[in-house]
């Protein structure tokens, strides 16, 4: 059964690797550790990607929800 609400989908993705794309077109990939109702998220083992290439390994990062355009959980 598909999650009924956006936060349900994020909850299902907890402790899994996700891709987050920001308004500045940067992408971050990491393990989703936590999030709140504003979709502020914390990623663990995060990497920054530009044009599909890993540019930085960042560890734990906090990303503000209002900067996010896409979250891919698959």
PDB file of N, CA and C in Angstrom:
ATOM      1  N   UNK A   1       0.840  -1.186   0.000  1.00  0.00           N
ATOM      2  CA  UNK A   1       0.000   0.000   0.000  1.00  0.00           C
ATOM      3  C   UNK A   1       0.885   1.250   0.000  1.00  0.00           C
ATOM      4  N   UNK A   2       0.558   2.203  -0.858  1.00  0.00           N
ATOM      5  CA  UNK A   2       1.324   3.437  -0.956  1.00  0.00           C
ATOM      6  C   UNK A   2       1.068   4.322   0.264  1.00  0.00           C
ATOM      7  N   UNK A   3       2.099   5.052   0.697  1.00  0.00           N
ATOM      8  CA  UNK A   3       1.889   5.990   1.810  1.00  0.00           C
ATOM      9  C   UNK A   3       0.833   7.033   1.443  1.00  0.00           C
ATOM     10  N   UNK A   4      -0.003   7.393   2.402  1.00  0.00           N
ATOM     11  CA  UNK A   4      -1.107   8.313   2.150  1.00  0.00           C
ATOM     12  C   UNK A   4      -0.671   9.780   2.160  1.00  0.00           C
ATOM     13  N   UNK A   5       0.376  10.096   2.910  1.00  0.00           N
ATOM     14  CA  UNK A   5       0.801  11.485   3.048  1.00  0.00           C
ATOM     15  C   UNK A   5       2.294  11.598   2.785  1.00  0.00           C
ATOM     16  N   UNK A   6       2.764  12.794   2.399  1.00  0.00           N
ATOM     17  CA  UNK A   6       4.202  12.959   2.133  1.00  0.00           C
ATOM     18  C   UNK A   6       5.092  12.551   3.309  1.00  0.00           C
ATOM     19  N   UNK A   7       4.685  12.910   4.521  1.00  0.00           N
ATOM     20  CA  UNK A   7       5.518  12.542   5.673  1.00  0.00           C
ATOM     21  C   UNK A   7       5.547  11.040   5.888  1.00  0.00           C
ATOM     22  N   UNK A   8       4.473  10.331   5.482  1.00  0.00           N
ATOM     23  CA  UNK A   8       4.478   8.868   5.560  1.00  0.00           C
ATOM     24  C   UNK A   8       5.559   8.301   4.649  1.00  0.00           C
ATOM     25  N   UNK A   9       5.690   8.868   3.448  1.00  0.00           N
ATOM     26  CA  UNK A   9       6.709   8.405   2.503  1.00  0.00           C
ATOM     27  C   UNK A   9       8.105   8.630   3.076  1.00  0.00           C
ATOM     28  N   UNK A  10       8.324   9.784   3.704  1.00  0.00           N
ATOM     29  CA  UNK A  10       9.626  10.042   4.318  1.00  0.00           C
ATOM     30  C   UNK A  10       9.879   9.099   5.489  1.00  0.00           C
ATOM     31  N   UNK A  11       8.851   8.848   6.275  1.00  0.00           N
ATOM     32  CA  UNK A  11       9.009   7.950   7.414  1.00  0.00           C
ATOM     33  C   UNK A  11       9.412   6.559   6.949  1.00  0.00           C
ATOM     34  N   UNK A  12       8.836   6.121   5.847  1.00  0.00           N
ATOM     35  CA  UNK A  12       9.161   4.815   5.277  1.00  0.00           C
ATOM     36  C   UNK A  12      10.614   4.773   4.788  1.00  0.00           C
ATOM     37  N   UNK A  13      11.147   5.926   4.411  1.00  0.00           N
ATOM     38  CA  UNK A  13      12.517   6.013   3.902  1.00  0.00           C
ATOM     39  C   UNK A  13      13.555   6.224   5.001  1.00  0.00           C
ATOM     40  N   UNK A  14      13.132   6.333   6.244  1.00  0.00           N
ATOM     41  CA  UNK A  14      14.070   6.553   7.347  1.00  0.00           C
ATOM     42  C   UNK A  14      15.107   5.434   7.385  1.00  0.00           C
ATOM     43  N   UNK A  15      16.368   5.813   7.578  1.00  0.00           N
ATOM     44  CA  UNK A  15      17.512   4.889   7.608  1.00  0.00           C
ATOM     45  C   UNK A  15      17.817   4.261   6.255  1.00  0.00           C
ATOM     46  N   UNK A  16      17.249   4.825   5.182  1.00  0.00           N
ATOM     47  CA  UNK A  16      17.580   4.388   3.828  1.00  0.00           C
ATOM     48  C   UNK A  16      18.250   5.551   3.100  1.00  0.00           C
ATOM     49  N   UNK A  17      18.954   5.221   2.023  1.00  0.00           N
ATOM     50  CA  UNK A  17      19.608   6.270   1.238  1.00  0.00           C
ATOM     51  C   UNK A  17      18.576   6.987   0.373  1.00  0.00           C
ATOM     52  N   UNK A  18      18.642   8.310   0.388  1.00  0.00           N
ATOM     53  CA  UNK A  18      17.755   9.115  -0.443  1.00  0.00           C
ATOM     54  C   UNK A  18      18.579  10.144  -1.205  1.00  0.00           C
ATOM     55  N   UNK A  19      17.973  10.689  -2.241  1.00  0.00           N
ATOM     56  CA  UNK A  19      18.576  11.766  -2.999  1.00  0.00           C
ATOM     57  C   UNK A  19      17.749  13.022  -2.762  1.00  0.00           C
ATOM     58  N   UNK A  20      18.416  14.108  -2.462  1.00  0.00           N
ATOM     59  CA  UNK A  20      17.752  15.391  -2.222  1.00  0.00           C
ATOM     60  C   UNK A  20      18.317  16.396  -3.216  1.00  0.00           C
ATOM     61  N   UNK A  21      17.438  17.044  -3.974  1.00  0.00           N
ATOM     62  CA  UNK A  21      17.876  18.086  -4.894  1.00  0.00           C
ATOM     63  C   UNK A  21      17.374  19.423  -4.378  1.00  0.00           C
ATOM     64  N   UNK A  22      18.262  20.429  -4.427  1.00  0.00           N
ATOM     65  CA  UNK A  22      17.943  21.752  -3.900  1.00  0.00           C
ATOM     66  C   UNK A  22      17.649  22.738  -5.020  1.00  0.00           C
ATOM     67  N   UNK A  23      17.114  23.895  -4.637  1.00  0.00           N
ATOM     68  CA  UNK A  23      16.787  24.956  -5.588  1.00  0.00           C
ATOM     69  C   UNK A  23      18.011  25.408  -6.377  1.00  0.00           C
ATOM     70  N   UNK A  24      19.206  25.273  -5.807  1.00  0.00           N
ATOM     71  CA  UNK A  24      20.435  25.665  -6.515  1.00  0.00           C
ATOM     72  C   UNK A  24      20.966  24.545  -7.405  1.00  0.00           C
ATOM     73  N   UNK A  25      20.160  23.483  -7.585  1.00  0.00           N
ATOM     74  CA  UNK A  25      20.470  22.331  -8.432  1.00  0.00           C
ATOM     75  C   UNK A  25      21.549  21.406  -7.880  1.00  0.00           C
ATOM     76  N   UNK A  26      22.021  21.655  -6.679  1.00  0.00           N
ATOM     77  CA  UNK A  26      22.948  20.706  -6.065  1.00  0.00           C
ATOM     78  C   UNK A  26      22.150  19.517  -5.566  1.00  0.00           C
ATOM     79  N   UNK A  27      22.806  18.371  -5.548  1.00  0.00           N
ATOM     80  CA  UNK A  27      22.171  17.151  -5.068  1.00  0.00           C
ATOM     81  C   UNK A  27      22.974  16.599  -3.903  1.00  0.00           C
ATOM     82  N   UNK A  28      22.243  16.053  -2.942  1.00  0.00           N
ATOM     83  CA  UNK A  28      22.866  15.408  -1.797  1.00  0.00           C
ATOM     84  C   UNK A  28      22.277  14.018  -1.666  1.00  0.00           C
ATOM     85  N   UNK A  29      23.150  13.059  -1.440  1.00  0.00           N
ATOM     86  CA  UNK A  29      22.714  11.678  -1.254  1.00  0.00           C
ATOM     87  C   UNK A  29      23.229  11.223   0.096  1.00  0.00           C
ATOM     88  N   UNK A  30      22.359  10.610   0.869  1.00  0.00           N
ATOM     89  CA  UNK A  30      22.767  10.116   2.176  1.00  0.00           C
ATOM     90  C   UNK A  30      21.641   9.342   2.826  1.00  0.00           C
ATOM     91  N   UNK A  31      21.926   8.838   4.004  1.00  0.00           N
ATOM     92  CA  UNK A  31      20.938   8.067   4.754  1.00  0.00           C
ATOM     93  C   UNK A  31      20.070   9.016   5.556  1.00  0.00           C
ATOM     94  N   UNK A  32      18.756   8.932   5.347  1.00  0.00           N
ATOM     95  CA  UNK A  32      17.812   9.804   6.048  1.00  0.00           C
ATOM     96  C   UNK A  32      17.738   9.409   7.515  1.00  0.00           C
ATOM     97  N   UNK A  33      18.138  10.316   8.391  1.00  0.00           N
ATOM     98  CA  UNK A  33      18.106  10.028   9.827  1.00  0.00           C
ATOM     99  C   UNK A  33      16.873  10.622  10.495  1.00  0.00           C
ATOM    100  N   UNK A  34      16.516  11.854  10.130  1.00  0.00           N
ATOM    101  CA  UNK A  34      15.346  12.462  10.763  1.00  0.00           C
ATOM    102  C   UNK A  34      14.830  13.603   9.895  1.00  0.00           C
ATOM    103  N   UNK A  35      13.591  14.024  10.202  1.00  0.00           N
ATOM    104  CA  UNK A  35      12.956  15.135   9.503  1.00  0.00           C
ATOM    105  C   UNK A  35      11.853  15.672  10.400  1.00  0.00           C
ATOM    106  N   UNK A  36      11.349  16.859  10.047  1.00  0.00           N
ATOM    107  CA  UNK A  36      10.243  17.433  10.805  1.00  0.00           C
ATOM    108  C   UNK A  36       9.122  17.846   9.857  1.00  0.00           C
ATOM    109  N   UNK A  37       8.101  18.501  10.396  1.00  0.00           N
ATOM    110  CA  UNK A  37       6.941  18.848   9.568  1.00  0.00           C
ATOM    111  C   UNK A  37       7.260  19.883   8.490  1.00  0.00           C
ATOM    112  N   UNK A  38       8.394  20.578   8.611  1.00  0.00           N
ATOM    113  CA  UNK A  38       8.813  21.552   7.608  1.00  0.00           C
ATOM    114  C   UNK A  38       9.691  20.901   6.537  1.00  0.00           C
ATOM    115  N   UNK A  39       9.867  19.597   6.637  1.00  0.00           N
ATOM    116  CA  UNK A  39      10.727  18.803   5.763  1.00  0.00           C
ATOM    117  C   UNK A  39      12.195  19.226   5.891  1.00  0.00           C
ATOM    118  N   UNK A  40      12.559  19.840   7.019  1.00  0.00           N
ATOM    119  CA  UNK A  40      13.977  19.973   7.345  1.00  0.00           C
ATOM    120  C   UNK A  40      14.456  18.543   7.549  1.00  0.00           C
ATOM    121  N   UNK A  41      15.595  18.194   6.959  1.00  0.00           N
ATOM    122  CA  UNK A  41      16.044  16.814   7.073  1.00  0.00           C
ATOM    123  C   UNK A  41      17.491  16.733   7.534  1.00  0.00           C
ATOM    124  N   UNK A  42      17.823  15.607   8.145  1.00  0.00           N
ATOM    125  CA  UNK A  42      19.196  15.294   8.526  1.00  0.00           C
ATOM    126  C   UNK A  42      19.604  14.043   7.759  1.00  0.00           C
ATOM    127  N   UNK A  43      20.720  14.161   7.025  1.00  0.00           N
ATOM    128  CA  UNK A  43      21.294  13.030   6.309  1.00  0.00           C
ATOM    129  C   UNK A  43      22.604  12.632   6.964  1.00  0.00           C
ATOM    130  N   UNK A  44      22.859  11.342   6.989  1.00  0.00           N
ATOM    131  CA  UNK A  44      24.105  10.790   7.519  1.00  0.00           C
ATOM    132  C   UNK A  44      24.888  10.230   6.334  1.00  0.00           C
ATOM    133  N   UNK A  45      26.215  10.238   6.421  1.00  0.00           N
ATOM    134  CA  UNK A  45      27.083   9.763   5.327  1.00  0.00           C
ATOM    135  C   UNK A  45      26.742  10.473   4.017  1.00  0.00           C
ATOM    136  N   UNK A  46      26.501  11.764   4.095  1.00  0.00           N
ATOM    137  CA  UNK A  46      26.049  12.537   2.933  1.00  0.00           C
ATOM    138  C   UNK A  46      27.193  12.851   1.977  1.00  0.00           C
ATOM    139  N   UNK A  47      26.831  12.879   0.700  1.00  0.00           N
ATOM    140  CA  UNK A  47      27.746  13.279  -0.364  1.00  0.00           C
ATOM    141  C   UNK A  47      27.054  14.344  -1.201  1.00  0.00           C
ATOM    142  N   UNK A  48      27.833  15.318  -1.623  1.00  0.00           N
ATOM    143  CA  UNK A  48      27.318  16.339  -2.535  1.00  0.00           C
ATOM    144  C   UNK A  48      27.652  15.908  -3.956  1.00  0.00           C
ATOM    145  N   UNK A  49      26.685  16.036  -4.857  1.00  0.00           N
ATOM    146  CA  UNK A  49      26.906  15.700  -6.262  1.00  0.00           C
ATOM    147  C   UNK A  49      26.596  16.905  -7.129  1.00  0.00           C
ATOM    148  N   UNK A  50      27.457  17.121  -8.106  1.00  0.00           N
ATOM    149  CA  UNK A  50      27.227  18.144  -9.119  1.00  0.00           C
ATOM    150  C   UNK A  50      27.403  17.453 -10.464  1.00  0.00           C
ATOM    151  N   UNK A  51      26.395  17.551 -11.314  1.00  0.00           N
ATOM    152  CA  UNK A  51      26.399  16.879 -12.623  1.00  0.00           C
ATOM    153  C   UNK A  51      26.668  15.381 -12.492  1.00  0.00           C
ATOM    154  N   UNK A  52      26.114  14.769 -11.445  1.00  0.00           N
ATOM    155  CA  UNK A  52      26.242  13.334 -11.255  1.00  0.00           C
ATOM    156  C   UNK A  52      27.551  12.870 -10.650  1.00  0.00           C
ATOM    157  N   UNK A  53      28.491  13.790 -10.441  1.00  0.00           N
ATOM    158  CA  UNK A  53      29.795  13.435  -9.885  1.00  0.00           C
ATOM    159  C   UNK A  53      29.868  13.858  -8.420  1.00  0.00           C
ATOM    160  N   UNK A  54      30.383  12.960  -7.569  1.00  0.00           N
ATOM    161  CA  UNK A  54      30.559  13.295  -6.151  1.00  0.00           C
ATOM    162  C   UNK A  54      31.649  14.352  -6.041  1.00  0.00           C
ATOM    163  N   UNK A  55      31.291  15.496  -5.456  1.00  0.00           N
ATOM    164  CA  UNK A  55      32.266  16.581  -5.304  1.00  0.00           C
ATOM    165  C   UNK A  55      32.779  16.701  -3.869  1.00  0.00           C
ATOM    166  N   UNK A  56      31.951  16.304  -2.904  1.00  0.00           N
ATOM    167  CA  UNK A  56      32.385  16.372  -1.497  1.00  0.00           C
ATOM    168  C   UNK A  56      31.701  15.282  -0.701  1.00  0.00           C
ATOM    169  N   UNK A  57      32.435  14.736   0.270  1.00  0.00           N
ATOM    170  CA  UNK A  57      31.844  13.838   1.250  1.00  0.00           C
ATOM    171  C   UNK A  57      31.674  14.665   2.524  1.00  0.00           C
ATOM    172  N   UNK A  58      30.448  14.728   3.042  1.00  0.00           N
ATOM    173  CA  UNK A  58      30.143  15.691   4.091  1.00  0.00           C
ATOM    174  C   UNK A  58      29.834  15.082   5.448  1.00  0.00           C
ATOM    175  N   UNK A  59      29.529  13.799   5.532  1.00  0.00           N
ATOM    176  CA  UNK A  59      29.152  13.223   6.818  1.00  0.00           C
ATOM    177  C   UNK A  59      27.710  13.554   7.149  1.00  0.00           C
ATOM    178  N   UNK A  60      27.477  14.124   8.335  1.00  0.00           N
ATOM    179  CA  UNK A  60      26.119  14.465   8.765  1.00  0.00           C
ATOM    180  C   UNK A  60      25.799  15.889   8.321  1.00  0.00           C
ATOM    181  N   UNK A  61      24.648  16.041   7.648  1.00  0.00           N
ATOM    182  CA  UNK A  61      24.234  17.374   7.200  1.00  0.00           C
ATOM    183  C   UNK A  61      22.780  17.627   7.572  1.00  0.00           C
ATOM    184  N   UNK A  62      22.469  18.889   7.802  1.00  0.00           N
ATOM    185  CA  UNK A  62      21.107  19.363   8.034  1.00  0.00           C
ATOM    186  C   UNK A  62      20.730  20.181   6.807  1.00  0.00           C
ATOM    187  N   UNK A  63      19.590  19.876   6.207  1.00  0.00           N
ATOM    188  CA  UNK A  63      19.141  20.611   5.028  1.00  0.00           C
ATOM    189  C   UNK A  63      17.786  21.241   5.336  1.00  0.00           C
ATOM    190  N   UNK A  64      17.704  22.550   5.128  1.00  0.00           N
ATOM    191  CA  UNK A  64      16.437  23.259   5.364  1.00  0.00           C
ATOM    192  C   UNK A  64      15.401  22.847   4.336  1.00  0.00           C
ATOM    193  N   UNK A  65      14.208  22.575   4.813  1.00  0.00           N
ATOM    194  CA  UNK A  65      13.135  22.134   3.941  1.00  0.00           C
ATOM    195  C   UNK A  65      12.772  23.107   2.847  1.00  0.00           C
ATOM    196  N   UNK A  66      12.896  24.414   3.115  1.00  0.00           N
ATOM    197  CA  UNK A  66      12.482  25.382   2.093  1.00  0.00           C
ATOM    198  C   UNK A  66      13.490  25.525   0.955  1.00  0.00           C
ATOM    199  N   UNK A  67      14.615  24.813   1.031  1.00  0.00           N
ATOM    200  CA  UNK A  67      15.581  24.823  -0.066  1.00  0.00           C
ATOM    201  C   UNK A  67      15.435  23.597  -0.969  1.00  0.00           C
ATOM    202  N   UNK A  68      14.607  22.638  -0.558  1.00  0.00           N
ATOM    203  CA  UNK A  68      14.482  21.359  -1.267  1.00  0.00           C
ATOM    204  C   UNK A  68      13.430  21.452  -2.369  1.00  0.00           C
ATOM    205  N   UNK A  69      13.790  20.914  -3.549  1.00  0.00           N
ATOM    206  CA  UNK A  69      12.813  20.820  -4.637  1.00  0.00           C
ATOM    207  C   UNK A  69      12.373  19.377  -4.869  1.00  0.00           C
ATOM    208  N   UNK A  70      13.290  18.419  -4.692  1.00  0.00           N
ATOM    209  CA  UNK A  70      12.979  17.008  -4.957  1.00  0.00           C
ATOM    210  C   UNK A  70      13.605  16.134  -3.881  1.00  0.00           C
ATOM    211  N   UNK A  71      12.849  15.138  -3.445  1.00  0.00           N
ATOM    212  CA  UNK A  71      13.387  14.068  -2.600  1.00  0.00           C
ATOM    213  C   UNK A  71      13.018  12.759  -3.280  1.00  0.00           C
ATOM    214  N   UNK A  72      14.022  11.959  -3.594  1.00  0.00           N
ATOM    215  CA  UNK A  72      13.789  10.646  -4.188  1.00  0.00           C
ATOM    216  C   UNK A  72      14.123   9.584  -3.151  1.00  0.00           C
ATOM    217  N   UNK A  73      13.161   8.726  -2.878  1.00  0.00           N
ATOM    218  CA  UNK A  73      13.359   7.724  -1.838  1.00  0.00           C
ATOM    219  C   UNK A  73      13.691   6.350  -2.408  1.00  0.00           C
ATOM    220  N   UNK A  74      13.758   6.224  -3.733  1.00  0.00           N
ATOM    221  CA  UNK A  74      14.060   4.917  -4.336  1.00  0.00           C
ATOM    222  C   UNK A  74      15.425   4.884  -4.962  1.00  0.00           C
TER     223      UNK A  74
END
